[in-house]
Amino acid sequence: LMIETKVDFTIFFRELCKMPKHWSDLKTS
């Protein structure tokens, strides 16, 4: 998913620390 979406490696995992429940909470990465 990270490859297909073009995700920022550092920002994604840091945002995941916020315990998101919805995918849109990860959009900043």
mmCIF file of all heavy atoms, coordinates in Angstrom:
data_MODEL
# 
_entry.id   MODEL 
# 
loop_
_atom_site.group_PDB 
_atom_site.id 
_atom_site.type_symbol 
_atom_site.label_atom_id 
_atom_site.label_alt_id 
_atom_site.label_comp_id 
_atom_site.label_asym_id 
_atom_site.label_entity_id 
_atom_site.label_seq_id 
_atom_site.pdbx_PDB_ins_code 
_atom_site.Cartn_x 
_atom_site.Cartn_y 
_atom_site.Cartn_z 
_atom_site.occupancy 
_atom_site.B_iso_or_equiv 
_atom_site.pdbx_formal_charge 
_atom_site.auth_seq_id 
_atom_site.auth_comp_id 
_atom_site.auth_asym_id 
_atom_site.auth_atom_id 
_atom_site.pdbx_PDB_model_num 
ATOM 1   N N   . LEU A 1 1  ? 0.827   -1.205 0.000  1.00 0.00 ? 1  LEU A N   1 
ATOM 2   C CA  . LEU A 1 1  ? 0.000   0.000  0.000  1.00 0.00 ? 1  LEU A CA  1 
ATOM 3   C C   . LEU A 1 1  ? 0.862   1.257  0.000  1.00 0.00 ? 1  LEU A C   1 
ATOM 4   O O   . LEU A 1 1  ? 0.555   2.242  -0.684 1.00 0.00 ? 1  LEU A O   1 
ATOM 5   C CB  . LEU A 1 1  ? -0.923  -0.001 1.224  1.00 0.00 ? 1  LEU A CB  1 
ATOM 6   C CG  . LEU A 1 1  ? -2.114  -0.950 1.172  1.00 0.00 ? 1  LEU A CG  1 
ATOM 7   C CD1 . LEU A 1 1  ? -2.800  -1.018 2.538  1.00 0.00 ? 1  LEU A CD1 1 
ATOM 8   C CD2 . LEU A 1 1  ? -3.114  -0.497 0.106  1.00 0.00 ? 1  LEU A CD2 1 
ATOM 9   N N   . MET A 1 2  ? 1.955   1.227  0.754  1.00 0.00 ? 2  MET A N   1 
ATOM 10  C CA  . MET A 1 2  ? 2.844   2.384  0.810  1.00 0.00 ? 2  MET A CA  1 
ATOM 11  C C   . MET A 1 2  ? 3.489   2.650  -0.541 1.00 0.00 ? 2  MET A C   1 
ATOM 12  O O   . MET A 1 2  ? 3.658   3.806  -0.944 1.00 0.00 ? 2  MET A O   1 
ATOM 13  C CB  . MET A 1 2  ? 3.926   2.168  1.882  1.00 0.00 ? 2  MET A CB  1 
ATOM 14  C CG  . MET A 1 2  ? 3.389   2.179  3.312  1.00 0.00 ? 2  MET A CG  1 
ATOM 15  S SD  . MET A 1 2  ? 4.647   1.739  4.543  1.00 0.00 ? 2  MET A SD  1 
ATOM 16  C CE  . MET A 1 2  ? 5.648   3.232  4.559  1.00 0.00 ? 2  MET A CE  1 
ATOM 17  N N   . ILE A 1 3  ? 3.823   1.590  -1.264 1.00 0.00 ? 3  ILE A N   1 
ATOM 18  C CA  . ILE A 1 3  ? 4.421   1.751  -2.595 1.00 0.00 ? 3  ILE A CA  1 
ATOM 19  C C   . ILE A 1 3  ? 3.393   2.311  -3.576 1.00 0.00 ? 3  ILE A C   1 
ATOM 20  O O   . ILE A 1 3  ? 3.670   3.271  -4.313 1.00 0.00 ? 3  ILE A O   1 
ATOM 21  C CB  . ILE A 1 3  ? 4.963   0.393  -3.101 1.00 0.00 ? 3  ILE A CB  1 
ATOM 22  C CG1 . ILE A 1 3  ? 6.164   -0.050 -2.266 1.00 0.00 ? 3  ILE A CG1 1 
ATOM 23  C CG2 . ILE A 1 3  ? 5.358   0.497  -4.574 1.00 0.00 ? 3  ILE A CG2 1 
ATOM 24  C CD1 . ILE A 1 3  ? 6.586   -1.487 -2.509 1.00 0.00 ? 3  ILE A CD1 1 
ATOM 25  N N   . GLU A 1 4  ? 2.201   1.744  -3.580 1.00 0.00 ? 4  GLU A N   1 
ATOM 26  C CA  . GLU A 1 4  ? 1.171   2.169  -4.524 1.00 0.00 ? 4  GLU A CA  1 
ATOM 27  C C   . GLU A 1 4  ? 0.703   3.595  -4.251 1.00 0.00 ? 4  GLU A C   1 
ATOM 28  O O   . GLU A 1 4  ? 0.340   4.333  -5.168 1.00 0.00 ? 4  GLU A O   1 
ATOM 29  C CB  . GLU A 1 4  ? -0.029  1.218  -4.458 1.00 0.00 ? 4  GLU A CB  1 
ATOM 30  C CG  . GLU A 1 4  ? 0.256   -0.173 -5.009 1.00 0.00 ? 4  GLU A CG  1 
ATOM 31  C CD  . GLU A 1 4  ? -0.967  -1.068 -4.963 1.00 0.00 ? 4  GLU A CD  1 
ATOM 32  O OE1 . GLU A 1 4  ? -2.099  -0.538 -5.045 1.00 0.00 ? 4  GLU A OE1 1 
ATOM 33  O OE2 . GLU A 1 4  ? -0.803  -2.294 -4.833 1.00 0.00 ? 4  GLU A OE2 1 
ATOM 34  N N   . THR A 1 5  ? 0.754   4.010  -2.999 1.00 0.00 ? 5  THR A N   1 
ATOM 35  C CA  . THR A 1 5  ? 0.217   5.314  -2.607 1.00 0.00 ? 5  THR A CA  1 
ATOM 36  C C   . THR A 1 5  ? 1.262   6.425  -2.661 1.00 0.00 ? 5  THR A C   1 
ATOM 37  O O   . THR A 1 5  ? 0.913   7.598  -2.681 1.00 0.00 ? 5  THR A O   1 
ATOM 38  C CB  . THR A 1 5  ? -0.361  5.215  -1.174 1.00 0.00 ? 5  THR A CB  1 
ATOM 39  O OG1 . THR A 1 5  ? -1.306  4.140  -1.122 1.00 0.00 ? 5  THR A OG1 1 
ATOM 40  C CG2 . THR A 1 5  ? -1.048  6.499  -0.765 1.00 0.00 ? 5  THR A CG2 1 
ATOM 41  N N   . LYS A 1 6  ? 2.548   6.051  -2.687 1.00 0.00 ? 6  LYS A N   1 
ATOM 42  C CA  . LYS A 1 6  ? 3.639   7.022  -2.560 1.00 0.00 ? 6  LYS A CA  1 
ATOM 43  C C   . LYS A 1 6  ? 3.539   7.732  -1.206 1.00 0.00 ? 6  LYS A C   1 
ATOM 44  O O   . LYS A 1 6  ? 3.087   8.870  -1.095 1.00 0.00 ? 6  LYS A O   1 
ATOM 45  C CB  . LYS A 1 6  ? 3.651   8.030  -3.707 1.00 0.00 ? 6  LYS A CB  1 
ATOM 46  C CG  . LYS A 1 6  ? 3.979   7.406  -5.051 1.00 0.00 ? 6  LYS A CG  1 
ATOM 47  C CD  . LYS A 1 6  ? 4.149   8.463  -6.138 1.00 0.00 ? 6  LYS A CD  1 
ATOM 48  C CE  . LYS A 1 6  ? 4.535   7.813  -7.456 1.00 0.00 ? 6  LYS A CE  1 
ATOM 49  N NZ  . LYS A 1 6  ? 4.662   8.796  -8.559 1.00 0.00 ? 6  LYS A NZ  1 
ATOM 50  N N   . VAL A 1 7  ? 3.989   7.010  -0.206 1.00 0.00 ? 7  VAL A N   1 
ATOM 51  C CA  . VAL A 1 7  ? 3.867   7.454  1.176  1.00 0.00 ? 7  VAL A CA  1 
ATOM 52  C C   . VAL A 1 7  ? 5.231   7.919  1.693  1.00 0.00 ? 7  VAL A C   1 
ATOM 53  O O   . VAL A 1 7  ? 6.254   7.319  1.375  1.00 0.00 ? 7  VAL A O   1 
ATOM 54  C CB  . VAL A 1 7  ? 3.332   6.297  2.054  1.00 0.00 ? 7  VAL A CB  1 
ATOM 55  C CG1 . VAL A 1 7  ? 3.492   6.586  3.529  1.00 0.00 ? 7  VAL A CG1 1 
ATOM 56  C CG2 . VAL A 1 7  ? 1.873   6.034  1.733  1.00 0.00 ? 7  VAL A CG2 1 
ATOM 57  N N   . ASP A 1 8  ? 5.249   8.967  2.497  1.00 0.00 ? 8  ASP A N   1 
ATOM 58  C CA  . ASP A 1 8  ? 6.470   9.401  3.160  1.00 0.00 ? 8  ASP A CA  1 
ATOM 59  C C   . ASP A 1 8  ? 6.750   8.462  4.327  1.00 0.00 ? 8  ASP A C   1 
ATOM 60  O O   . ASP A 1 8  ? 5.944   8.318  5.244  1.00 0.00 ? 8  ASP A O   1 
ATOM 61  C CB  . ASP A 1 8  ? 6.337   10.834 3.670  1.00 0.00 ? 8  ASP A CB  1 
ATOM 62  C CG  . ASP A 1 8  ? 7.658   11.380 4.173  1.00 0.00 ? 8  ASP A CG  1 
ATOM 63  O OD1 . ASP A 1 8  ? 7.997   11.122 5.349  1.00 0.00 ? 8  ASP A OD1 1 
ATOM 64  O OD2 . ASP A 1 8  ? 8.350   12.052 3.394  1.00 0.00 ? 8  ASP A OD2 1 
ATOM 65  N N   . PHE A 1 9  ? 7.921   7.817  4.291  1.00 0.00 ? 9  PHE A N   1 
ATOM 66  C CA  . PHE A 1 9  ? 8.251   6.774  5.259  1.00 0.00 ? 9  PHE A CA  1 
ATOM 67  C C   . PHE A 1 9  ? 8.190   7.280  6.696  1.00 0.00 ? 9  PHE A C   1 
ATOM 68  O O   . PHE A 1 9  ? 7.544   6.677  7.558  1.00 0.00 ? 9  PHE A O   1 
ATOM 69  C CB  . PHE A 1 9  ? 9.654   6.234  4.947  1.00 0.00 ? 9  PHE A CB  1 
ATOM 70  C CG  . PHE A 1 9  ? 10.104  5.106  5.831  1.00 0.00 ? 9  PHE A CG  1 
ATOM 71  C CD1 . PHE A 1 9  ? 9.646   3.818  5.621  1.00 0.00 ? 9  PHE A CD1 1 
ATOM 72  C CD2 . PHE A 1 9  ? 10.993  5.329  6.872  1.00 0.00 ? 9  PHE A CD2 1 
ATOM 73  C CE1 . PHE A 1 9  ? 10.062  2.768  6.426  1.00 0.00 ? 9  PHE A CE1 1 
ATOM 74  C CE2 . PHE A 1 9  ? 11.423  4.298  7.687  1.00 0.00 ? 9  PHE A CE2 1 
ATOM 75  C CZ  . PHE A 1 9  ? 10.957  3.007  7.462  1.00 0.00 ? 9  PHE A CZ  1 
ATOM 76  N N   . THR A 1 10 ? 8.852   8.381  6.981  1.00 0.00 ? 10 THR A N   1 
ATOM 77  C CA  . THR A 1 10 ? 8.931   8.885  8.357  1.00 0.00 ? 10 THR A CA  1 
ATOM 78  C C   . THR A 1 10 ? 7.593   9.437  8.830  1.00 0.00 ? 10 THR A C   1 
ATOM 79  O O   . THR A 1 10 ? 7.136   9.135  9.941  1.00 0.00 ? 10 THR A O   1 
ATOM 80  C CB  . THR A 1 10 ? 10.021  9.964  8.467  1.00 0.00 ? 10 THR A CB  1 
ATOM 81  O OG1 . THR A 1 10 ? 11.287  9.381  8.138  1.00 0.00 ? 10 THR A OG1 1 
ATOM 82  C CG2 . THR A 1 10 ? 10.077  10.545 9.870  1.00 0.00 ? 10 THR A CG2 1 
ATOM 83  N N   . ILE A 1 11 ? 6.956   10.258 8.003  1.00 0.00 ? 11 ILE A N   1 
ATOM 84  C CA  . ILE A 1 11 ? 5.693   10.882 8.419  1.00 0.00 ? 11 ILE A CA  1 
ATOM 85  C C   . ILE A 1 11 ? 4.612   9.833  8.629  1.00 0.00 ? 11 ILE A C   1 
ATOM 86  O O   . ILE A 1 11 ? 3.824   9.908  9.588  1.00 0.00 ? 11 ILE A O   1 
ATOM 87  C CB  . ILE A 1 11 ? 5.257   11.951 7.398  1.00 0.00 ? 11 ILE A CB  1 
ATOM 88  C CG1 . ILE A 1 11 ? 6.270   13.104 7.383  1.00 0.00 ? 11 ILE A CG1 1 
ATOM 89  C CG2 . ILE A 1 11 ? 3.857   12.479 7.732  1.00 0.00 ? 11 ILE A CG2 1 
ATOM 90  C CD1 . ILE A 1 11 ? 5.969   14.182 6.351  1.00 0.00 ? 11 ILE A CD1 1 
ATOM 91  N N   . PHE A 1 12 ? 4.558   8.821  7.772  1.00 0.00 ? 12 PHE A N   1 
ATOM 92  C CA  . PHE A 1 12 ? 3.534   7.783  7.920  1.00 0.00 ? 12 PHE A CA  1 
ATOM 93  C C   . PHE A 1 12 ? 3.626   7.113  9.290  1.00 0.00 ? 12 PHE A C   1 
ATOM 94  O O   . PHE A 1 12 ? 2.618   7.023  10.022 1.00 0.00 ? 12 PHE A O   1 
ATOM 95  C CB  . PHE A 1 12 ? 3.649   6.722  6.823  1.00 0.00 ? 12 PHE A CB  1 
ATOM 96  C CG  . PHE A 1 12 ? 2.755   5.541  7.063  1.00 0.00 ? 12 PHE A CG  1 
ATOM 97  C CD1 . PHE A 1 12 ? 1.402   5.600  6.737  1.00 0.00 ? 12 PHE A CD1 1 
ATOM 98  C CD2 . PHE A 1 12 ? 3.239   4.386  7.665  1.00 0.00 ? 12 PHE A CD2 1 
ATOM 99  C CE1 . PHE A 1 12 ? 0.559   4.524  7.002  1.00 0.00 ? 12 PHE A CE1 1 
ATOM 100 C CE2 . PHE A 1 12 ? 2.407   3.309  7.932  1.00 0.00 ? 12 PHE A CE2 1 
ATOM 101 C CZ  . PHE A 1 12 ? 1.060   3.378  7.598  1.00 0.00 ? 12 PHE A CZ  1 
ATOM 102 N N   . PHE A 1 13 ? 4.798   6.627  9.640  1.00 0.00 ? 13 PHE A N   1 
ATOM 103 C CA  . PHE A 1 13 ? 4.907   5.888  10.906 1.00 0.00 ? 13 PHE A CA  1 
ATOM 104 C C   . PHE A 1 13 ? 4.712   6.806  12.115 1.00 0.00 ? 13 PHE A C   1 
ATOM 105 O O   . PHE A 1 13 ? 4.197   6.368  13.149 1.00 0.00 ? 13 PHE A O   1 
ATOM 106 C CB  . PHE A 1 13 ? 6.244   5.155  10.981 1.00 0.00 ? 13 PHE A CB  1 
ATOM 107 C CG  . PHE A 1 13 ? 6.261   3.864  10.206 1.00 0.00 ? 13 PHE A CG  1 
ATOM 108 C CD1 . PHE A 1 13 ? 6.902   3.777  8.985  1.00 0.00 ? 13 PHE A CD1 1 
ATOM 109 C CD2 . PHE A 1 13 ? 5.606   2.738  10.692 1.00 0.00 ? 13 PHE A CD2 1 
ATOM 110 C CE1 . PHE A 1 13 ? 6.901   2.584  8.262  1.00 0.00 ? 13 PHE A CE1 1 
ATOM 111 C CE2 . PHE A 1 13 ? 5.595   1.542  9.982  1.00 0.00 ? 13 PHE A CE2 1 
ATOM 112 C CZ  . PHE A 1 13 ? 6.244   1.466  8.766  1.00 0.00 ? 13 PHE A CZ  1 
ATOM 113 N N   . ARG A 1 14 ? 5.084   8.064  11.975 1.00 0.00 ? 14 ARG A N   1 
ATOM 114 C CA  . ARG A 1 14 ? 4.848   8.991  13.091 1.00 0.00 ? 14 ARG A CA  1 
ATOM 115 C C   . ARG A 1 14 ? 3.354   9.267  13.246 1.00 0.00 ? 14 ARG A C   1 
ATOM 116 O O   . ARG A 1 14 ? 2.834   9.319  14.368 1.00 0.00 ? 14 ARG A O   1 
ATOM 117 C CB  . ARG A 1 14 ? 5.609   10.291 12.860 1.00 0.00 ? 14 ARG A CB  1 
ATOM 118 C CG  . ARG A 1 14 ? 5.534   11.248 14.048 1.00 0.00 ? 14 ARG A CG  1 
ATOM 119 C CD  . ARG A 1 14 ? 6.259   10.703 15.268 1.00 0.00 ? 14 ARG A CD  1 
ATOM 120 N NE  . ARG A 1 14 ? 6.200   11.647 16.383 1.00 0.00 ? 14 ARG A NE  1 
ATOM 121 C CZ  . ARG A 1 14 ? 7.025   11.643 17.407 1.00 0.00 ? 14 ARG A CZ  1 
ATOM 122 N NH1 . ARG A 1 14 ? 7.981   10.734 17.484 1.00 0.00 ? 14 ARG A NH1 1 
ATOM 123 N NH2 . ARG A 1 14 ? 6.902   12.536 18.369 1.00 0.00 ? 14 ARG A NH2 1 
ATOM 124 N N   . GLU A 1 15 ? 2.643   9.427  12.137 1.00 0.00 ? 15 GLU A N   1 
ATOM 125 C CA  . GLU A 1 15 ? 1.206   9.662  12.211 1.00 0.00 ? 15 GLU A CA  1 
ATOM 126 C C   . GLU A 1 15 ? 0.478   8.425  12.742 1.00 0.00 ? 15 GLU A C   1 
ATOM 127 O O   . GLU A 1 15 ? -0.559  8.535  13.419 1.00 0.00 ? 15 GLU A O   1 
ATOM 128 C CB  . GLU A 1 15 ? 0.661   10.044 10.838 1.00 0.00 ? 15 GLU A CB  1 
ATOM 129 C CG  . GLU A 1 15 ? 1.116   11.408 10.338 1.00 0.00 ? 15 GLU A CG  1 
ATOM 130 C CD  . GLU A 1 15 ? 0.723   12.533 11.274 1.00 0.00 ? 15 GLU A CD  1 
ATOM 131 O OE1 . GLU A 1 15 ? -0.482  12.684 11.547 1.00 0.00 ? 15 GLU A OE1 1 
ATOM 132 O OE2 . GLU A 1 15 ? 1.629   13.262 11.742 1.00 0.00 ? 15 GLU A OE2 1 
ATOM 133 N N   . LEU A 1 16 ? 1.020   7.257  12.465 1.00 0.00 ? 16 LEU A N   1 
ATOM 134 C CA  . LEU A 1 16 ? 0.416   6.026  12.982 1.00 0.00 ? 16 LEU A CA  1 
ATOM 135 C C   . LEU A 1 16 ? 0.480   5.978  14.509 1.00 0.00 ? 16 LEU A C   1 
ATOM 136 O O   . LEU A 1 16 ? -0.347  5.320  15.150 1.00 0.00 ? 16 LEU A O   1 
ATOM 137 C CB  . LEU A 1 16 ? 1.135   4.810  12.384 1.00 0.00 ? 16 LEU A CB  1 
ATOM 138 C CG  . LEU A 1 16 ? 0.381   3.474  12.393 1.00 0.00 ? 16 LEU A CG  1 
ATOM 139 C CD1 . LEU A 1 16 ? -0.879  3.549  11.524 1.00 0.00 ? 16 LEU A CD1 1 
ATOM 140 C CD2 . LEU A 1 16 ? 1.286   2.344  11.920 1.00 0.00 ? 16 LEU A CD2 1 
ATOM 141 N N   . CYS A 1 17 ? 1.438   6.694  15.080 1.00 0.00 ? 17 CYS A N   1 
ATOM 142 C CA  . CYS A 1 17 ? 1.542   6.762  16.548 1.00 0.00 ? 17 CYS A CA  1 
ATOM 143 C C   . CYS A 1 17 ? 0.328   7.433  17.180 1.00 0.00 ? 17 CYS A C   1 
ATOM 144 O O   . CYS A 1 17 ? 0.112   7.333  18.392 1.00 0.00 ? 17 CYS A O   1 
ATOM 145 C CB  . CYS A 1 17 ? 2.804   7.520  16.958 1.00 0.00 ? 17 CYS A CB  1 
ATOM 146 S SG  . CYS A 1 17 ? 4.354   6.760  16.424 1.00 0.00 ? 17 CYS A SG  1 
ATOM 147 N N   . LYS A 1 18 ? -0.468  8.138  16.372 1.00 0.00 ? 18 LYS A N   1 
ATOM 148 C CA  . LYS A 1 18 ? -1.683  8.804  16.880 1.00 0.00 ? 18 LYS A CA  1 
ATOM 149 C C   . LYS A 1 18 ? -2.866  7.849  16.967 1.00 0.00 ? 18 LYS A C   1 
ATOM 150 O O   . LYS A 1 18 ? -3.980  8.258  17.309 1.00 0.00 ? 18 LYS A O   1 
ATOM 151 C CB  . LYS A 1 18 ? -2.034  9.994  15.989 1.00 0.00 ? 18 LYS A CB  1 
ATOM 152 C CG  . LYS A 1 18 ? -0.973  11.091 15.990 1.00 0.00 ? 18 LYS A CG  1 
ATOM 153 C CD  . LYS A 1 18 ? -1.343  12.221 15.027 1.00 0.00 ? 18 LYS A CD  1 
ATOM 154 C CE  . LYS A 1 18 ? -0.285  13.309 14.996 1.00 0.00 ? 18 LYS A CE  1 
ATOM 155 N NZ  . LYS A 1 18 ? -0.611  14.384 14.022 1.00 0.00 ? 18 LYS A NZ  1 
ATOM 156 N N   . MET A 1 19 ? -2.638  6.583  16.635 1.00 0.00 ? 19 MET A N   1 
ATOM 157 C CA  . MET A 1 19 ? -3.669  5.538  16.721 1.00 0.00 ? 19 MET A CA  1 
ATOM 158 C C   . MET A 1 19 ? -4.905  5.871  15.882 1.00 0.00 ? 19 MET A C   1 
ATOM 159 O O   . MET A 1 19 ? -6.034  5.869  16.370 1.00 0.00 ? 19 MET A O   1 
ATOM 160 C CB  . MET A 1 19 ? -4.077  5.302  18.187 1.00 0.00 ? 19 MET A CB  1 
ATOM 161 C CG  . MET A 1 19 ? -2.949  4.805  19.059 1.00 0.00 ? 19 MET A CG  1 
ATOM 162 S SD  . MET A 1 19 ? -2.603  3.083  18.706 1.00 0.00 ? 19 MET A SD  1 
ATOM 163 C CE  . MET A 1 19 ? -0.959  2.903  19.367 1.00 0.00 ? 19 MET A CE  1 
ATOM 164 N N   . PRO A 1 20 ? -4.722  6.160  14.610 1.00 0.00 ? 20 PRO A N   1 
ATOM 165 C CA  . PRO A 1 20 ? -5.868  6.547  13.771 1.00 0.00 ? 20 PRO A CA  1 
ATOM 166 C C   . PRO A 1 20 ? -6.830  5.381  13.544 1.00 0.00 ? 20 PRO A C   1 
ATOM 167 O O   . PRO A 1 20 ? -6.421  4.217  13.503 1.00 0.00 ? 20 PRO A O   1 
ATOM 168 C CB  . PRO A 1 20 ? -5.201  6.973  12.458 1.00 0.00 ? 20 PRO A CB  1 
ATOM 169 C CG  . PRO A 1 20 ? -3.927  6.187  12.414 1.00 0.00 ? 20 PRO A CG  1 
ATOM 170 C CD  . PRO A 1 20 ? -3.461  6.102  13.831 1.00 0.00 ? 20 PRO A CD  1 
ATOM 171 N N   . LYS A 1 21 ? -8.093  5.740  13.366 1.00 0.00 ? 21 LYS A N   1 
ATOM 172 C CA  . LYS A 1 21 ? -9.105  4.725  13.067 1.00 0.00 ? 21 LYS A CA  1 
ATOM 173 C C   . LYS A 1 21 ? -9.561  4.820  11.606 1.00 0.00 ? 21 LYS A C   1 
ATOM 174 O O   . LYS A 1 21 ? -10.125 3.865  11.073 1.00 0.00 ? 21 LYS A O   1 
ATOM 175 C CB  . LYS A 1 21 ? -10.316 4.913  13.995 1.00 0.00 ? 21 LYS A CB  1 
ATOM 176 C CG  . LYS A 1 21 ? -10.037 4.632  15.474 1.00 0.00 ? 21 LYS A CG  1 
ATOM 177 C CD  . LYS A 1 21 ? -9.752  3.158  15.705 1.00 0.00 ? 21 LYS A CD  1 
ATOM 178 C CE  . LYS A 1 21 ? -9.579  2.836  17.182 1.00 0.00 ? 21 LYS A CE  1 
ATOM 179 N NZ  . LYS A 1 21 ? -10.827 2.882  17.949 1.00 0.00 ? 21 LYS A NZ  1 
ATOM 180 N N   . HIS A 1 22 ? -9.317  5.968  10.988 1.00 0.00 ? 22 HIS A N   1 
ATOM 181 C CA  . HIS A 1 22 ? -9.776  6.163  9.607  1.00 0.00 ? 22 HIS A CA  1 
ATOM 182 C C   . HIS A 1 22 ? -8.576  6.492  8.722  1.00 0.00 ? 22 HIS A C   1 
ATOM 183 O O   . HIS A 1 22 ? -7.675  7.239  9.110  1.00 0.00 ? 22 HIS A O   1 
ATOM 184 C CB  . HIS A 1 22 ? -10.815 7.289  9.533  1.00 0.00 ? 22 HIS A CB  1 
ATOM 185 C CG  . HIS A 1 22 ? -11.570 7.321  8.240  1.00 0.00 ? 22 HIS A CG  1 
ATOM 186 N ND1 . HIS A 1 22 ? -11.152 8.063  7.159  1.00 0.00 ? 22 HIS A ND1 1 
ATOM 187 C CD2 . HIS A 1 22 ? -12.707 6.681  7.853  1.00 0.00 ? 22 HIS A CD2 1 
ATOM 188 C CE1 . HIS A 1 22 ? -11.996 7.884  6.156  1.00 0.00 ? 22 HIS A CE1 1 
ATOM 189 N NE2 . HIS A 1 22 ? -12.957 7.054  6.553  1.00 0.00 ? 22 HIS A NE2 1 
ATOM 190 N N   . TRP A 1 23 ? -8.588  5.954  7.496  1.00 0.00 ? 23 TRP A N   1 
ATOM 191 C CA  . TRP A 1 23 ? -7.444  6.111  6.589  1.00 0.00 ? 23 TRP A CA  1 
ATOM 192 C C   . TRP A 1 23 ? -7.117  7.577  6.307  1.00 0.00 ? 23 TRP A C   1 
ATOM 193 O O   . TRP A 1 23 ? -5.943  7.936  6.096  1.00 0.00 ? 23 TRP A O   1 
ATOM 194 C CB  . TRP A 1 23 ? -7.719  5.387  5.261  1.00 0.00 ? 23 TRP A CB  1 
ATOM 195 C CG  . TRP A 1 23 ? -8.698  6.102  4.375  1.00 0.00 ? 23 TRP A CG  1 
ATOM 196 C CD1 . TRP A 1 23 ? -10.039 5.923  4.326  1.00 0.00 ? 23 TRP A CD1 1 
ATOM 197 C CD2 . TRP A 1 23 ? -8.387  7.136  3.428  1.00 0.00 ? 23 TRP A CD2 1 
ATOM 198 N NE1 . TRP A 1 23 ? -10.612 6.784  3.409  1.00 0.00 ? 23 TRP A NE1 1 
ATOM 199 C CE2 . TRP A 1 23 ? -9.618  7.528  2.845  1.00 0.00 ? 23 TRP A CE2 1 
ATOM 200 C CE3 . TRP A 1 23 ? -7.220  7.756  3.014  1.00 0.00 ? 23 TRP A CE3 1 
ATOM 201 C CZ2 . TRP A 1 23 ? -9.690  8.525  1.870  1.00 0.00 ? 23 TRP A CZ2 1 
ATOM 202 C CZ3 . TRP A 1 23 ? -7.295  8.743  2.048  1.00 0.00 ? 23 TRP A CZ3 1 
ATOM 203 C CH2 . TRP A 1 23 ? -8.519  9.117  1.488  1.00 0.00 ? 23 TRP A CH2 1 
ATOM 204 N N   . SER A 1 24 ? -8.120  8.444  6.336  1.00 0.00 ? 24 SER A N   1 
ATOM 205 C CA  . SER A 1 24 ? -7.890  9.854  6.004  1.00 0.00 ? 24 SER A CA  1 
ATOM 206 C C   . SER A 1 24 ? -6.978  10.536 7.021  1.00 0.00 ? 24 SER A C   1 
ATOM 207 O O   . SER A 1 24 ? -6.377  11.576 6.721  1.00 0.00 ? 24 SER A O   1 
ATOM 208 C CB  . SER A 1 24 ? -9.222  10.601 5.903  1.00 0.00 ? 24 SER A CB  1 
ATOM 209 O OG  . SER A 1 24 ? -9.924  10.538 7.127  1.00 0.00 ? 24 SER A OG  1 
ATOM 210 N N   . ASP A 1 25 ? -6.861  9.947  8.221  1.00 0.00 ? 25 ASP A N   1 
ATOM 211 C CA  . ASP A 1 25 ? -5.969  10.521 9.227  1.00 0.00 ? 25 ASP A CA  1 
ATOM 212 C C   . ASP A 1 25 ? -4.491  10.330 8.866  1.00 0.00 ? 25 ASP A C   1 
ATOM 213 O O   . ASP A 1 25 ? -3.617  10.894 9.524  1.00 0.00 ? 25 ASP A O   1 
ATOM 214 C CB  . ASP A 1 25 ? -6.240  9.881  10.592 1.00 0.00 ? 25 ASP A CB  1 
ATOM 215 C CG  . ASP A 1 25 ? -7.634  10.215 11.114 1.00 0.00 ? 25 ASP A CG  1 
ATOM 216 O OD1 . ASP A 1 25 ? -8.117  11.322 10.825 1.00 0.00 ? 25 ASP A OD1 1 
ATOM 217 O OD2 . ASP A 1 25 ? -8.239  9.359  11.789 1.00 0.00 ? 25 ASP A OD2 1 
ATOM 218 N N   . LEU A 1 26 ? -4.245  9.518  7.844  1.00 0.00 ? 26 LEU A N   1 
ATOM 219 C CA  . LEU A 1 26 ? -2.879  9.278  7.400  1.00 0.00 ? 26 LEU A CA  1 
ATOM 220 C C   . LEU A 1 26 ? -2.517  10.082 6.154  1.00 0.00 ? 26 LEU A C   1 
ATOM 221 O O   . LEU A 1 26 ? -1.392  10.001 5.662  1.00 0.00 ? 26 LEU A O   1 
ATOM 222 C CB  . LEU A 1 26 ? -2.676  7.783  7.116  1.00 0.00 ? 26 LEU A CB  1 
ATOM 223 C CG  . LEU A 1 26 ? -2.815  6.840  8.319  1.00 0.00 ? 26 LEU A CG  1 
ATOM 224 C CD1 . LEU A 1 26 ? -2.862  5.392  7.842  1.00 0.00 ? 26 LEU A CD1 1 
ATOM 225 C CD2 . LEU A 1 26 ? -1.672  7.043  9.306  1.00 0.00 ? 26 LEU A CD2 1 
ATOM 226 N N   . LYS A 1 27 ? -3.483  10.844 5.628  1.00 0.00 ? 27 LYS A N   1 
ATOM 227 C CA  . LYS A 1 27 ? -3.287  11.541 4.353  1.00 0.00 ? 27 LYS A CA  1 
ATOM 228 C C   . LYS A 1 27 ? -2.118  12.521 4.372  1.00 0.00 ? 27 LYS A C   1 
ATOM 229 O O   . LYS A 1 27 ? -1.560  12.829 3.321  1.00 0.00 ? 27 LYS A O   1 
ATOM 230 C CB  . LYS A 1 27 ? -4.563  12.286 3.940  1.00 0.00 ? 27 LYS A CB  1 
ATOM 231 C CG  . LYS A 1 27 ? -5.629  11.391 3.350  1.00 0.00 ? 27 LYS A CG  1 
ATOM 232 C CD  . LYS A 1 27 ? -6.608  12.156 2.478  1.00 0.00 ? 27 LYS A CD  1 
ATOM 233 C CE  . LYS A 1 27 ? -7.225  13.340 3.185  1.00 0.00 ? 27 LYS A CE  1 
ATOM 234 N NZ  . LYS A 1 27 ? -8.247  14.012 2.339  1.00 0.00 ? 27 LYS A NZ  1 
ATOM 235 N N   . THR A 1 28 ? -1.746  13.015 5.521  1.00 0.00 ? 28 THR A N   1 
ATOM 236 C CA  . THR A 1 28 ? -0.632  13.959 5.585  1.00 0.00 ? 28 THR A CA  1 
ATOM 237 C C   . THR A 1 28 ? 0.673   13.319 5.135  1.00 0.00 ? 28 THR A C   1 
ATOM 238 O O   . THR A 1 28 ? 1.633   14.027 4.817  1.00 0.00 ? 28 THR A O   1 
ATOM 239 C CB  . THR A 1 28 ? -0.447  14.514 7.008  1.00 0.00 ? 28 THR A CB  1 
ATOM 240 O OG1 . THR A 1 28 ? -0.364  13.417 7.928  1.00 0.00 ? 28 THR A OG1 1 
ATOM 241 C CG2 . THR A 1 28 ? -1.597  15.419 7.408  1.00 0.00 ? 28 THR A CG2 1 
ATOM 242 N N   . SER A 1 29 ? 0.723   11.994 5.102  1.00 0.00 ? 29 SER A N   1 
ATOM 243 C CA  . SER A 1 29 ? 1.943   11.297 4.671  1.00 0.00 ? 29 SER A CA  1 
ATOM 244 C C   . SER A 1 29 ? 1.877   10.874 3.207  1.00 0.00 ? 29 SER A C   1 
ATOM 245 O O   . SER A 1 29 ? 2.833   10.302 2.691  1.00 0.00 ? 29 SER A O   1 
ATOM 246 C CB  . SER A 1 29 ? 2.190   10.061 5.544  1.00 0.00 ? 29 SER A CB  1 
ATOM 247 O OG  . SER A 1 29 ? 1.206   9.068  5.323  1.00 0.00 ? 29 SER A OG  1 
# 
